[in-house]
């Protein structure tokens, strides 16, 4: 029979030293706060079609997208089987250029045509 090899155990001292080195290295890195991109934060004005969904006041693109998704989720417009597809109701159909269903990636392109 073949003899079983014993797993070589590292001494506890080496493991502790590595943990301390890792902690010191991690603590040495300064935390850099991420700056938002100014282009996304610039207020855009939705046209009358889009204003029916998100409101007429100028708002940043990020907020516009949040409000649009809130509307979609509130009205249950996300497709049940393929969650990437958005089923348009009467208000969204106008924004989507008459399409009954669009993907979430195409949605941003279609929405950008409705802002100034």
C-alpha atoms as a PDB file:
ATOM      1  CA  UNK A   1       0.000   0.000   0.000  1.00  0.00           C
ATOM      2  CA  UNK A   2       1.065   3.508  -0.682  1.00  0.00           C
ATOM      3  CA  UNK A   3       1.863   5.599   2.325  1.00  0.00           C
ATOM      4  CA  UNK A   4      -0.293   8.696   2.823  1.00  0.00           C
ATOM      5  CA  UNK A   5       1.490  11.987   2.671  1.00  0.00           C
ATOM      6  CA  UNK A   6       1.060  14.218   5.637  1.00  0.00           C
ATOM      7  CA  UNK A   7      -0.060  17.743   4.882  1.00  0.00           C
ATOM      8  CA  UNK A   8       2.719  20.119   5.738  1.00  0.00           C
ATOM      9  CA  UNK A   9       1.493  22.585   8.326  1.00  0.00           C
ATOM     10  CA  UNK A  10       2.842  26.093   8.352  1.00  0.00           C
ATOM     11  CA  UNK A  11       4.016  27.307  11.693  1.00  0.00           C
ATOM     12  CA  UNK A  12       1.515  29.625  13.376  1.00  0.00           C
ATOM     13  CA  UNK A  13       4.185  32.319  13.601  1.00  0.00           C
ATOM     14  CA  UNK A  14       4.514  32.565   9.764  1.00  0.00           C
ATOM     15  CA  UNK A  15       0.743  32.700   9.272  1.00  0.00           C
ATOM     16  CA  UNK A  16       0.436  35.478  11.852  1.00  0.00           C
ATOM     17  CA  UNK A  17       3.258  37.483  10.229  1.00  0.00           C
ATOM     18  CA  UNK A  18       1.574  37.244   6.807  1.00  0.00           C
ATOM     19  CA  UNK A  19      -1.745  38.423   8.267  1.00  0.00           C
ATOM     20  CA  UNK A  20      -0.040  41.410   9.906  1.00  0.00           C
ATOM     21  CA  UNK A  21       1.768  42.330   6.667  1.00  0.00           C
ATOM     22  CA  UNK A  22      -1.501  42.155   4.740  1.00  0.00           C
ATOM     23  CA  UNK A  23      -3.291  44.367   7.280  1.00  0.00           C
ATOM     24  CA  UNK A  24      -0.482  46.960   7.241  1.00  0.00           C
ATOM     25  CA  UNK A  25      -0.401  47.005   3.441  1.00  0.00           C
ATOM     26  CA  UNK A  26      -4.173  47.465   3.272  1.00  0.00           C
ATOM     27  CA  UNK A  27      -4.147  50.266   5.855  1.00  0.00           C
ATOM     28  CA  UNK A  28      -1.367  52.115   4.024  1.00  0.00           C
ATOM     29  CA  UNK A  29      -3.523  52.714   0.916  1.00  0.00           C
ATOM     30  CA  UNK A  30      -5.390  56.014   1.150  1.00  0.00           C
ATOM     31  CA  UNK A  31      -9.112  55.796   0.448  1.00  0.00           C
ATOM     32  CA  UNK A  32      -9.903  57.852  -2.643  1.00  0.00           C
ATOM     33  CA  UNK A  33     -13.463  59.075  -2.950  1.00  0.00           C
ATOM     34  CA  UNK A  34     -14.781  58.609  -6.467  1.00  0.00           C
ATOM     35  CA  UNK A  35     -15.820  61.799  -8.231  1.00  0.00           C
ATOM     36  CA  UNK A  36     -19.036  61.632 -10.249  1.00  0.00           C
ATOM     37  CA  UNK A  37     -18.760  62.328 -13.959  1.00  0.00           C
ATOM     38  CA  UNK A  38     -19.910  65.900 -14.591  1.00  0.00           C
ATOM     39  CA  UNK A  39     -21.648  64.924 -17.838  1.00  0.00           C
ATOM     40  CA  UNK A  40     -24.025  62.604 -15.983  1.00  0.00           C
ATOM     41  CA  UNK A  41     -24.727  65.215 -13.322  1.00  0.00           C
ATOM     42  CA  UNK A  42     -25.589  67.967 -15.820  1.00  0.00           C
ATOM     43  CA  UNK A  43     -29.361  68.566 -15.705  1.00  0.00           C
ATOM     44  CA  UNK A  44     -31.302  67.637 -18.831  1.00  0.00           C
ATOM     45  CA  UNK A  45     -34.850  68.688 -19.662  1.00  0.00           C
ATOM     46  CA  UNK A  46     -37.256  65.924 -20.706  1.00  0.00           C
ATOM     47  CA  UNK A  47     -39.577  66.700 -23.625  1.00  0.00           C
ATOM     48  CA  UNK A  48     -43.372  66.555 -23.212  1.00  0.00           C
ATOM     49  CA  UNK A  49     -43.500  62.804 -24.044  1.00  0.00           C
ATOM     50  CA  UNK A  50     -40.984  61.866 -21.365  1.00  0.00           C
ATOM     51  CA  UNK A  51     -42.276  64.512 -18.933  1.00  0.00           C
ATOM     52  CA  UNK A  52     -45.521  62.516 -18.623  1.00  0.00           C
ATOM     53  CA  UNK A  53     -43.464  59.783 -16.920  1.00  0.00           C
ATOM     54  CA  UNK A  54     -40.640  61.508 -15.012  1.00  0.00           C
ATOM     55  CA  UNK A  55     -41.879  65.095 -14.644  1.00  0.00           C
ATOM     56  CA  UNK A  56     -41.047  68.287 -16.526  1.00  0.00           C
ATOM     57  CA  UNK A  57     -38.356  69.660 -14.194  1.00  0.00           C
ATOM     58  CA  UNK A  58     -34.712  69.481 -15.360  1.00  0.00           C
ATOM     59  CA  UNK A  59     -32.837  66.658 -13.627  1.00  0.00           C
ATOM     60  CA  UNK A  60     -29.524  64.769 -14.040  1.00  0.00           C
ATOM     61  CA  UNK A  61     -29.462  61.704 -16.293  1.00  0.00           C
ATOM     62  CA  UNK A  62     -28.882  59.475 -13.292  1.00  0.00           C
ATOM     63  CA  UNK A  63     -32.066  60.698 -11.599  1.00  0.00           C
ATOM     64  CA  UNK A  64     -33.992  60.469 -14.874  1.00  0.00           C
ATOM     65  CA  UNK A  65     -32.996  56.811 -15.198  1.00  0.00           C
ATOM     66  CA  UNK A  66     -33.957  56.117 -11.570  1.00  0.00           C
ATOM     67  CA  UNK A  67     -37.407  57.651 -12.065  1.00  0.00           C
ATOM     68  CA  UNK A  68     -37.909  55.748 -15.302  1.00  0.00           C
ATOM     69  CA  UNK A  69     -37.032  52.437 -13.612  1.00  0.00           C
ATOM     70  CA  UNK A  70     -39.305  53.295 -10.678  1.00  0.00           C
ATOM     71  CA  UNK A  71     -42.166  53.802 -13.173  1.00  0.00           C
ATOM     72  CA  UNK A  72     -41.375  50.509 -14.923  1.00  0.00           C
ATOM     73  CA  UNK A  73     -41.266  48.549 -11.658  1.00  0.00           C
ATOM     74  CA  UNK A  74     -44.349  50.277 -10.205  1.00  0.00           C
ATOM     75  CA  UNK A  75     -46.413  49.338 -13.268  1.00  0.00           C
ATOM     76  CA  UNK A  76     -44.888  45.853 -13.685  1.00  0.00           C
ATOM     77  CA  UNK A  77     -43.599  46.530 -17.202  1.00  0.00           C
ATOM     78  CA  UNK A  78     -40.480  44.358 -16.999  1.00  0.00           C
ATOM     79  CA  UNK A  79     -41.021  41.106 -18.931  1.00  0.00           C
ATOM     80  CA  UNK A  80     -41.558  38.139 -16.587  1.00  0.00           C
ATOM     81  CA  UNK A  81     -39.534  35.582 -18.588  1.00  0.00           C
ATOM     82  CA  UNK A  82     -36.812  37.752 -20.124  1.00  0.00           C
ATOM     83  CA  UNK A  83     -36.089  40.408 -17.490  1.00  0.00           C
ATOM     84  CA  UNK A  84     -33.946  42.410 -19.954  1.00  0.00           C
ATOM     85  CA  UNK A  85     -37.020  43.344 -21.966  1.00  0.00           C
ATOM     86  CA  UNK A  86     -39.360  46.215 -21.109  1.00  0.00           C
ATOM     87  CA  UNK A  87     -43.006  45.972 -22.192  1.00  0.00           C
ATOM     88  CA  UNK A  88     -44.275  49.429 -23.098  1.00  0.00           C
ATOM     89  CA  UNK A  89     -47.600  50.791 -21.882  1.00  0.00           C
ATOM     90  CA  UNK A  90     -49.308  53.739 -23.632  1.00  0.00           C
ATOM     91  CA  UNK A  91     -47.000  56.387 -22.107  1.00  0.00           C
ATOM     92  CA  UNK A  92     -43.794  54.448 -22.769  1.00  0.00           C
ATOM     93  CA  UNK A  93     -44.816  53.449 -26.286  1.00  0.00           C
ATOM     94  CA  UNK A  94     -44.687  57.140 -27.254  1.00  0.00           C
ATOM     95  CA  UNK A  95     -41.188  57.470 -25.774  1.00  0.00           C
ATOM     96  CA  UNK A  96     -40.014  54.210 -27.397  1.00  0.00           C
ATOM     97  CA  UNK A  97     -41.060  55.370 -30.861  1.00  0.00           C
ATOM     98  CA  UNK A  98     -44.120  53.118 -31.126  1.00  0.00           C
ATOM     99  CA  UNK A  99     -42.299  49.898 -30.162  1.00  0.00           C
ATOM    100  CA  UNK A 100     -44.233  47.556 -27.890  1.00  0.00           C
ATOM    101  CA  UNK A 101     -41.143  45.969 -26.335  1.00  0.00           C
ATOM    102  CA  UNK A 102     -37.519  47.099 -26.119  1.00  0.00           C
ATOM    103  CA  UNK A 103     -34.437  45.813 -24.323  1.00  0.00           C
ATOM    104  CA  UNK A 104     -33.168  47.766 -21.326  1.00  0.00           C
ATOM    105  CA  UNK A 105     -30.048  48.647 -23.318  1.00  0.00           C
ATOM    106  CA  UNK A 106     -32.029  50.096 -26.225  1.00  0.00           C
ATOM    107  CA  UNK A 107     -34.212  51.955 -23.746  1.00  0.00           C
ATOM    108  CA  UNK A 108     -31.433  54.379 -22.795  1.00  0.00           C
ATOM    109  CA  UNK A 109     -30.784  55.162 -26.457  1.00  0.00           C
ATOM    110  CA  UNK A 110     -34.479  55.845 -27.084  1.00  0.00           C
ATOM    111  CA  UNK A 111     -34.820  57.943 -23.932  1.00  0.00           C
ATOM    112  CA  UNK A 112     -31.798  60.084 -24.858  1.00  0.00           C
ATOM    113  CA  UNK A 113     -33.695  61.193 -27.978  1.00  0.00           C
ATOM    114  CA  UNK A 114     -36.358  62.665 -25.688  1.00  0.00           C
ATOM    115  CA  UNK A 115     -34.128  64.991 -23.638  1.00  0.00           C
ATOM    116  CA  UNK A 116     -32.691  68.404 -24.405  1.00  0.00           C
END
